[in-house]
PDB file of all heavy atoms in Angstrom:
ATOM      1  N   TYR A   1       9.597  -1.590  -3.947  1.00  0.00           N
ATOM      2  CA  TYR A   1       9.125  -0.989  -5.179  1.00  0.00           C
ATOM      3  C   TYR A   1       9.629   0.412  -5.284  1.00  0.00           C
ATOM      4  O   TYR A   1      10.370   0.947  -4.422  1.00  0.00           O
ATOM      5  CB  TYR A   1       7.563  -0.891  -5.089  1.00  0.00           C
ATOM      6  CG  TYR A   1       6.879  -2.291  -5.164  1.00  0.00           C
ATOM      7  CD1 TYR A   1       6.460  -2.872  -3.924  1.00  0.00           C
ATOM      8  CD2 TYR A   1       6.637  -2.919  -6.320  1.00  0.00           C
ATOM      9  CE1 TYR A   1       5.922  -4.208  -3.918  1.00  0.00           C
ATOM     10  CE2 TYR A   1       6.084  -4.191  -6.332  1.00  0.00           C
ATOM     11  CZ  TYR A   1       5.630  -4.759  -5.179  1.00  0.00           C
ATOM     12  OH  TYR A   1       5.044  -6.031  -5.194  1.00  0.00           O
ATOM     13  N   GLY A   2       9.271   1.106  -6.471  1.00  0.00           N
ATOM     14  CA  GLY A   2       9.747   2.354  -6.699  1.00  0.00           C
ATOM     15  C   GLY A   2       8.772   3.498  -6.351  1.00  0.00           C
ATOM     16  O   GLY A   2       8.519   4.421  -7.188  1.00  0.00           O
ATOM     17  N   GLY A   3       8.240   3.513  -5.202  1.00  0.00           N
ATOM     18  CA  GLY A   3       7.212   4.497  -4.820  1.00  0.00           C
ATOM     19  C   GLY A   3       5.930   3.956  -4.252  1.00  0.00           C
ATOM     20  O   GLY A   3       5.706   2.696  -4.418  1.00  0.00           O
ATOM     21  N   THR A   4       5.061   4.693  -3.804  1.00  0.00           N
ATOM     22  CA  THR A   4       3.894   4.355  -3.071  1.00  0.00           C
ATOM     23  C   THR A   4       2.843   3.671  -4.170  1.00  0.00           C
ATOM     24  O   THR A   4       2.339   2.585  -3.947  1.00  0.00           O
ATOM     25  CB  THR A   4       3.107   5.394  -2.341  1.00  0.00           C
ATOM     26  OG1 THR A   4       4.038   5.915  -1.366  1.00  0.00           O
ATOM     27  CG2 THR A   4       1.804   4.897  -1.763  1.00  0.00           C
ATOM     28  N   GLY A   5       2.790   4.263  -5.373  1.00  0.00           N
ATOM     29  CA  GLY A   5       1.812   3.831  -6.337  1.00  0.00           C
ATOM     30  C   GLY A   5       2.181   2.380  -6.784  1.00  0.00           C
ATOM     31  O   GLY A   5       1.333   1.468  -6.884  1.00  0.00           O
ATOM     32  N   GLU A   6       3.478   2.140  -6.938  1.00  0.00           N
ATOM     33  CA  GLU A   6       3.997   0.791  -7.318  1.00  0.00           C
ATOM     34  C   GLU A   6       3.723  -0.248  -6.219  1.00  0.00           C
ATOM     35  O   GLU A   6       3.319  -1.380  -6.480  1.00  0.00           O
ATOM     36  CB  GLU A   6       5.430   0.817  -7.802  1.00  0.00           C
ATOM     37  CG  GLU A   6       5.601   1.596  -9.166  1.00  0.00           C
ATOM     38  CD  GLU A   6       7.147   1.560  -9.542  1.00  0.00           C
ATOM     39  OE1 GLU A   6       7.865   0.726  -9.001  1.00  0.00           O
ATOM     40  OE2 GLU A   6       7.517   2.401 -10.251  1.00  0.00           O
ATOM     41  N   ALA A   7       3.911   0.206  -5.053  1.00  0.00           N
ATOM     42  CA  ALA A   7       3.731  -0.637  -3.841  1.00  0.00           C
ATOM     43  C   ALA A   7       2.187  -1.049  -3.743  1.00  0.00           C
ATOM     44  O   ALA A   7       1.971  -2.279  -3.545  1.00  0.00           O
ATOM     45  CB  ALA A   7       4.231   0.041  -2.547  1.00  0.00           C
ATOM     46  N   LEU A   8       1.404  -0.067  -3.860  1.00  0.00           N
ATOM     47  CA  LEU A   8      -0.001  -0.329  -3.790  1.00  0.00           C
ATOM     48  C   LEU A   8      -0.508  -1.248  -4.983  1.00  0.00           C
ATOM     49  O   LEU A   8      -1.415  -2.288  -4.644  1.00  0.00           O
ATOM     50  CB  LEU A   8      -0.761   0.911  -3.716  1.00  0.00           C
ATOM     51  CG  LEU A   8      -0.670   1.851  -2.511  1.00  0.00           C
ATOM     52  CD1 LEU A   8      -1.396   3.100  -2.733  1.00  0.00           C
ATOM     53  CD2 LEU A   8      -0.992   1.167  -1.322  1.00  0.00           C
ATOM     54  N   SER A   9      -0.043  -1.120  -6.076  1.00  0.00           N
ATOM     55  CA  SER A   9      -0.208  -1.931  -7.204  1.00  0.00           C
ATOM     56  C   SER A   9       0.224  -3.447  -6.969  1.00  0.00           C
ATOM     57  O   SER A   9      -0.420  -4.340  -7.309  1.00  0.00           O
ATOM     58  CB  SER A   9       0.329  -1.353  -8.578  1.00  0.00           C
ATOM     59  OG  SER A   9      -0.256  -0.088  -8.796  1.00  0.00           O
ATOM     60  N   GLY A  10       1.408  -3.470  -6.355  1.00  0.00           N
ATOM     61  CA  GLY A  10       1.949  -4.825  -6.030  1.00  0.00           C
ATOM     62  C   GLY A  10       0.970  -5.565  -4.936  1.00  0.00           C
ATOM     63  O   GLY A  10       0.821  -6.755  -5.163  1.00  0.00           O
ATOM     64  N   LEU A  11       0.498  -4.847  -4.080  1.00  0.00           N
ATOM     65  CA  LEU A  11      -0.357  -5.402  -3.139  1.00  0.00           C
ATOM     66  C   LEU A  11      -1.781  -5.873  -3.895  1.00  0.00           C
ATOM     67  O   LEU A  11      -2.238  -6.936  -3.616  1.00  0.00           O
ATOM     68  CB  LEU A  11      -0.742  -4.466  -1.988  1.00  0.00           C
ATOM     69  CG  LEU A  11       0.296  -4.091  -1.043  1.00  0.00           C
ATOM     70  CD1 LEU A  11      -0.048  -2.740  -0.373  1.00  0.00           C
ATOM     71  CD2 LEU A  11       0.350  -5.181   0.069  1.00  0.00           C
ATOM     72  N   GLU A  12      -2.111  -5.090  -4.735  1.00  0.00           N
ATOM     73  CA  GLU A  12      -3.378  -5.445  -5.500  1.00  0.00           C
ATOM     74  C   GLU A  12      -3.155  -6.492  -6.354  1.00  0.00           C
ATOM     75  O   GLU A  12      -4.140  -7.335  -6.559  1.00  0.00           O
ATOM     76  CB  GLU A  12      -3.789  -4.128  -6.285  1.00  0.00           C
ATOM     77  CG  GLU A  12      -5.132  -4.279  -7.045  1.00  0.00           C
ATOM     78  CD  GLU A  12      -5.506  -2.946  -7.808  1.00  0.00           C
ATOM     79  OE1 GLU A  12      -4.577  -2.217  -8.078  1.00  0.00           O
ATOM     80  OE2 GLU A  12      -6.687  -2.644  -7.944  1.00  0.00           O
ATOM     81  N   ARG A  13      -2.008  -6.713  -6.914  1.00  0.00           N
ATOM     82  CA  ARG A  13      -1.710  -7.796  -7.715  1.00  0.00           C
ATOM     83  C   ARG A  13      -1.442  -9.202  -6.950  1.00  0.00           C
ATOM     84  O   ARG A  13      -1.201 -10.231  -7.513  1.00  0.00           O
ATOM     85  CB  ARG A  13      -0.549  -7.580  -8.679  1.00  0.00           C
ATOM     86  CG  ARG A  13      -0.874  -6.485  -9.799  1.00  0.00           C
ATOM     87  CD  ARG A  13       0.320  -6.483 -10.798  1.00  0.00           C
ATOM     88  NE  ARG A  13       1.615  -6.216 -10.208  1.00  0.00           N
ATOM     89  CZ  ARG A  13       2.123  -4.923 -10.314  1.00  0.00           C
ATOM     90  NH1 ARG A  13       1.427  -3.913 -10.661  1.00  0.00           N
ATOM     91  NH2 ARG A  13       3.266  -4.646  -9.627  1.00  0.00           N
ATOM     92  N   GLY A  14      -1.337  -9.005  -5.621  1.00  0.00           N
ATOM     93  CA  GLY A  14      -1.096 -10.160  -4.783  1.00  0.00           C
ATOM     94  C   GLY A  14       0.338 -10.473  -4.590  1.00  0.00           C
ATOM     95  O   GLY A  14       0.797 -11.535  -4.117  1.00  0.00           O
ATOM     96  N   GLU A  15       1.317  -9.519  -4.963  1.00  0.00           N
ATOM     97  CA  GLU A  15       2.791  -9.775  -4.850  1.00  0.00           C
ATOM     98  C   GLU A  15       3.281  -9.464  -3.469  1.00  0.00           C
ATOM     99  O   GLU A  15       4.262 -10.012  -2.946  1.00  0.00           O
ATOM    100  CB  GLU A  15       3.525  -8.795  -5.761  1.00  0.00           C
ATOM    101  CG  GLU A  15       3.230  -9.079  -7.148  1.00  0.00           C
ATOM    102  CD  GLU A  15       3.891  -8.046  -8.163  1.00  0.00           C
ATOM    103  OE1 GLU A  15       4.406  -6.946  -7.563  1.00  0.00           O
ATOM    104  OE2 GLU A  15       3.744  -8.160  -9.377  1.00  0.00           O
ATOM    105  N   ALA A  16       2.369  -8.869  -2.729  1.00  0.00           N
ATOM    106  CA  ALA A  16       2.775  -8.554  -1.238  1.00  0.00           C
ATOM    107  C   ALA A  16       1.429  -8.619  -0.381  1.00  0.00           C
ATOM    108  O   ALA A  16       0.342  -8.491  -0.913  1.00  0.00           O
ATOM    109  CB  ALA A  16       3.410  -7.093  -1.089  1.00  0.00           C
ATOM    110  N   ASP A  17       1.646  -8.766   0.844  1.00  0.00           N
ATOM    111  CA  ASP A  17       0.517  -9.072   1.763  1.00  0.00           C
ATOM    112  C   ASP A  17       0.375  -7.943   2.756  1.00  0.00           C
ATOM    113  O   ASP A  17      -0.790  -7.722   3.445  1.00  0.00           O
ATOM    114  CB  ASP A  17       0.734 -10.331   2.594  1.00  0.00           C
ATOM    115  CG  ASP A  17       1.160 -11.495   1.655  1.00  0.00           C
ATOM    116  OD1 ASP A  17       0.324 -12.011   0.856  1.00  0.00           O
ATOM    117  OD2 ASP A  17       2.312 -11.980   1.789  1.00  0.00           O
ATOM    118  N   VAL A  18       1.472  -7.349   3.199  1.00  0.00           N
ATOM    119  CA  VAL A  18       1.452  -6.322   4.259  1.00  0.00           C
ATOM    120  C   VAL A  18       2.108  -5.067   3.896  1.00  0.00           C
ATOM    121  O   VAL A  18       3.037  -5.051   3.091  1.00  0.00           O
ATOM    122  CB  VAL A  18       2.263  -6.963   5.518  1.00  0.00           C
ATOM    123  CG1 VAL A  18       2.014  -6.004   6.758  1.00  0.00           C
ATOM    124  CG2 VAL A  18       1.604  -8.286   5.781  1.00  0.00           C
ATOM    125  N   PHE A  19       1.727  -3.906   4.398  1.00  0.00           N
ATOM    126  CA  PHE A  19       2.385  -2.623   4.035  1.00  0.00           C
ATOM    127  C   PHE A  19       2.242  -1.730   5.393  1.00  0.00           C
ATOM    128  O   PHE A  19       1.144  -1.554   5.967  1.00  0.00           O
ATOM    129  CB  PHE A  19       1.418  -1.990   3.036  1.00  0.00           C
ATOM    130  CG  PHE A  19       2.048  -0.859   2.415  1.00  0.00           C
ATOM    131  CD1 PHE A  19       3.461  -0.563   2.441  1.00  0.00           C
ATOM    132  CD2 PHE A  19       1.297   0.146   1.645  1.00  0.00           C
ATOM    133  CE1 PHE A  19       3.974   0.543   1.833  1.00  0.00           C
ATOM    134  CE2 PHE A  19       1.725   1.248   1.139  1.00  0.00           C
ATOM    135  CZ  PHE A  19       3.092   1.376   1.204  1.00  0.00           C
ATOM    136  N   LEU A  20       3.441  -1.387   5.816  1.00  0.00           N
ATOM    137  CA  LEU A  20       3.395  -0.445   7.026  1.00  0.00           C
ATOM    138  C   LEU A  20       3.267   0.839   6.550  1.00  0.00           C
ATOM    139  O   LEU A  20       4.137   1.347   5.807  1.00  0.00           O
ATOM    140  CB  LEU A  20       4.806  -0.574   7.772  1.00  0.00           C
ATOM    141  CG  LEU A  20       4.901   0.259   8.950  1.00  0.00           C
ATOM    142  CD1 LEU A  20       4.001  -0.113  10.052  1.00  0.00           C
ATOM    143  CD2 LEU A  20       6.277   0.348   9.534  1.00  0.00           C
ATOM    144  N   VAL A  21       2.162   1.564   6.838  1.00  0.00           N
ATOM    145  CA  VAL A  21       1.851   2.897   6.360  1.00  0.00           C
ATOM    146  C   VAL A  21       1.945   3.963   7.266  1.00  0.00           C
ATOM    147  O   VAL A  21       1.294   3.879   8.341  1.00  0.00           O
ATOM    148  CB  VAL A  21       0.294   2.845   5.800  1.00  0.00           C
ATOM    149  CG1 VAL A  21      -0.014   4.221   5.150  1.00  0.00           C
ATOM    150  CG2 VAL A  21       0.156   1.758   4.797  1.00  0.00           C
ATOM    151  N   GLY A  22       2.601   4.964   6.897  1.00  0.00           N
ATOM    152  CA  GLY A  22       2.844   6.210   7.711  1.00  0.00           C
ATOM    153  C   GLY A  22       2.350   7.438   6.933  1.00  0.00           C
ATOM    154  O   GLY A  22       2.949   7.592   5.746  1.00  0.00           O
ATOM    155  N   PRO A  23       1.504   8.253   7.331  1.00  0.00           N
ATOM    156  CA  PRO A  23       0.681   8.043   8.640  1.00  0.00           C
ATOM    157  C   PRO A  23      -0.551   7.242   8.436  1.00  0.00           C
ATOM    158  O   PRO A  23      -0.978   6.848   7.279  1.00  0.00           O
ATOM    159  CB  PRO A  23       0.313   9.548   8.863  1.00  0.00           C
ATOM    160  CG  PRO A  23       0.141  10.151   7.415  1.00  0.00           C
ATOM    161  CD  PRO A  23       1.112   9.448   6.582  1.00  0.00           C
ATOM    162  N   ALA A  24      -1.257   7.038   9.563  1.00  0.00           N
ATOM    163  CA  ALA A  24      -2.470   6.252   9.601  1.00  0.00           C
ATOM    164  C   ALA A  24      -3.663   6.838   8.714  1.00  0.00           C
ATOM    165  O   ALA A  24      -4.478   6.047   8.206  1.00  0.00           O
ATOM    166  CB  ALA A  24      -2.971   6.010  10.980  1.00  0.00           C
ATOM    167  N   THR A  25      -3.582   8.183   8.480  1.00  0.00           N
ATOM    168  CA  THR A  25      -4.653   8.784   7.643  1.00  0.00           C
ATOM    169  C   THR A  25      -4.459   8.212   6.245  1.00  0.00           C
ATOM    170  O   THR A  25      -5.454   8.046   5.530  1.00  0.00           O
ATOM    171  CB  THR A  25      -4.480  10.321   7.694  1.00  0.00           C
ATOM    172  OG1 THR A  25      -3.173  10.723   7.676  1.00  0.00           O
ATOM    173  CG2 THR A  25      -5.140  10.810   8.973  1.00  0.00           C
ATOM    174  N   SER A  26      -3.203   8.002   5.782  1.00  0.00           N
ATOM    175  CA  SER A  26      -2.987   7.408   4.467  1.00  0.00           C
ATOM    176  C   SER A  26      -3.422   5.834   4.571  1.00  0.00           C
ATOM    177  O   SER A  26      -4.027   5.397   3.485  1.00  0.00           O
ATOM    178  CB  SER A  26      -1.550   7.400   4.080  1.00  0.00           C
ATOM    179  OG  SER A  26      -1.100   8.730   3.914  1.00  0.00           O
ATOM    180  N   GLY A  27      -3.281   5.316   5.735  1.00  0.00           N
ATOM    181  CA  GLY A  27      -3.777   3.899   5.842  1.00  0.00           C
ATOM    182  C   GLY A  27      -5.228   3.717   5.660  1.00  0.00           C
ATOM    183  O   GLY A  27      -5.771   2.775   5.013  1.00  0.00           O
ATOM    184  N   LEU A  28      -6.004   4.810   6.012  1.00  0.00           N
ATOM    185  CA  LEU A  28      -7.516   4.850   5.781  1.00  0.00           C
ATOM    186  C   LEU A  28      -7.805   4.720   4.293  1.00  0.00           C
ATOM    187  O   LEU A  28      -8.656   4.115   3.942  1.00  0.00           O
ATOM    188  CB  LEU A  28      -8.050   6.069   6.535  1.00  0.00           C
ATOM    189  CG  LEU A  28      -8.078   6.253   7.994  1.00  0.00           C
ATOM    190  CD1 LEU A  28      -8.545   7.573   8.403  1.00  0.00           C
ATOM    191  CD2 LEU A  28      -8.898   5.086   8.664  1.00  0.00           C
ATOM    192  N   LYS A  29      -7.030   5.488   3.506  1.00  0.00           N
ATOM    193  CA  LYS A  29      -7.244   5.507   2.062  1.00  0.00           C
ATOM    194  C   LYS A  29      -7.040   4.089   1.431  1.00  0.00           C
ATOM    195  O   LYS A  29      -7.708   3.749   0.688  1.00  0.00           O
ATOM    196  CB  LYS A  29      -6.452   6.546   1.451  1.00  0.00           C
ATOM    197  CG  LYS A  29      -6.859   7.937   1.702  1.00  0.00           C
ATOM    198  CD  LYS A  29      -6.318   8.950   0.730  1.00  0.00           C
ATOM    199  CE  LYS A  29      -6.867  10.262   0.828  1.00  0.00           C
ATOM    200  NZ  LYS A  29      -6.380  11.299  -0.178  1.00  0.00           N
ATOM    201  N   VAL A  30      -5.885   3.500   1.917  1.00  0.00           N
ATOM    202  CA  VAL A  30      -5.539   2.221   1.427  1.00  0.00           C
ATOM    203  C   VAL A  30      -6.647   1.254   1.729  1.00  0.00           C
ATOM    204  O   VAL A  30      -7.164   0.450   0.858  1.00  0.00           O
ATOM    205  CB  VAL A  30      -4.259   1.598   1.984  1.00  0.00           C
ATOM    206  CG1 VAL A  30      -3.893   0.225   1.547  1.00  0.00           C
ATOM    207  CG2 VAL A  30      -3.034   2.683   1.706  1.00  0.00           C
ATOM    208  N   VAL A  31      -7.192   1.165   3.014  1.00  0.00           N
ATOM    209  CA  VAL A  31      -8.264   0.349   3.437  1.00  0.00           C
ATOM    210  C   VAL A  31      -9.458   0.562   2.598  1.00  0.00           C
ATOM    211  O   VAL A  31     -10.137  -0.437   2.244  1.00  0.00           O
ATOM    212  CB  VAL A  31      -8.544   0.438   4.872  1.00  0.00           C
ATOM    213  CG1 VAL A  31      -9.838  -0.194   5.295  1.00  0.00           C
ATOM    214  CG2 VAL A  31      -7.373   0.063   5.829  1.00  0.00           C
ATOM    215  N   LYS A  32      -9.769   1.772   2.221  1.00  0.00           N
ATOM    216  CA  LYS A  32     -10.959   2.054   1.458  1.00  0.00           C
ATOM    217  C   LYS A  32     -10.755   1.665  -0.029  1.00  0.00           C
ATOM    218  O   LYS A  32     -11.746   1.327  -0.631  1.00  0.00           O
ATOM    219  CB  LYS A  32     -11.323   3.581   1.509  1.00  0.00           C
ATOM    220  CG  LYS A  32     -11.787   3.961   2.863  1.00  0.00           C
ATOM    221  CD  LYS A  32     -12.036   5.587   2.949  1.00  0.00           C
ATOM    222  CE  LYS A  32     -12.417   5.943   4.278  1.00  0.00           C
ATOM    223  NZ  LYS A  32     -12.532   7.473   4.355  1.00  0.00           N
TER     224      LYS A  32
END
């Protein structure tokens, strides 16, 4: 994708299943 926002939206739409997130503090936000 072209940035984090687009990647997260792709996950939300079901286009992707997994995302390696650095750092884990950002991972906490994704989980929430």
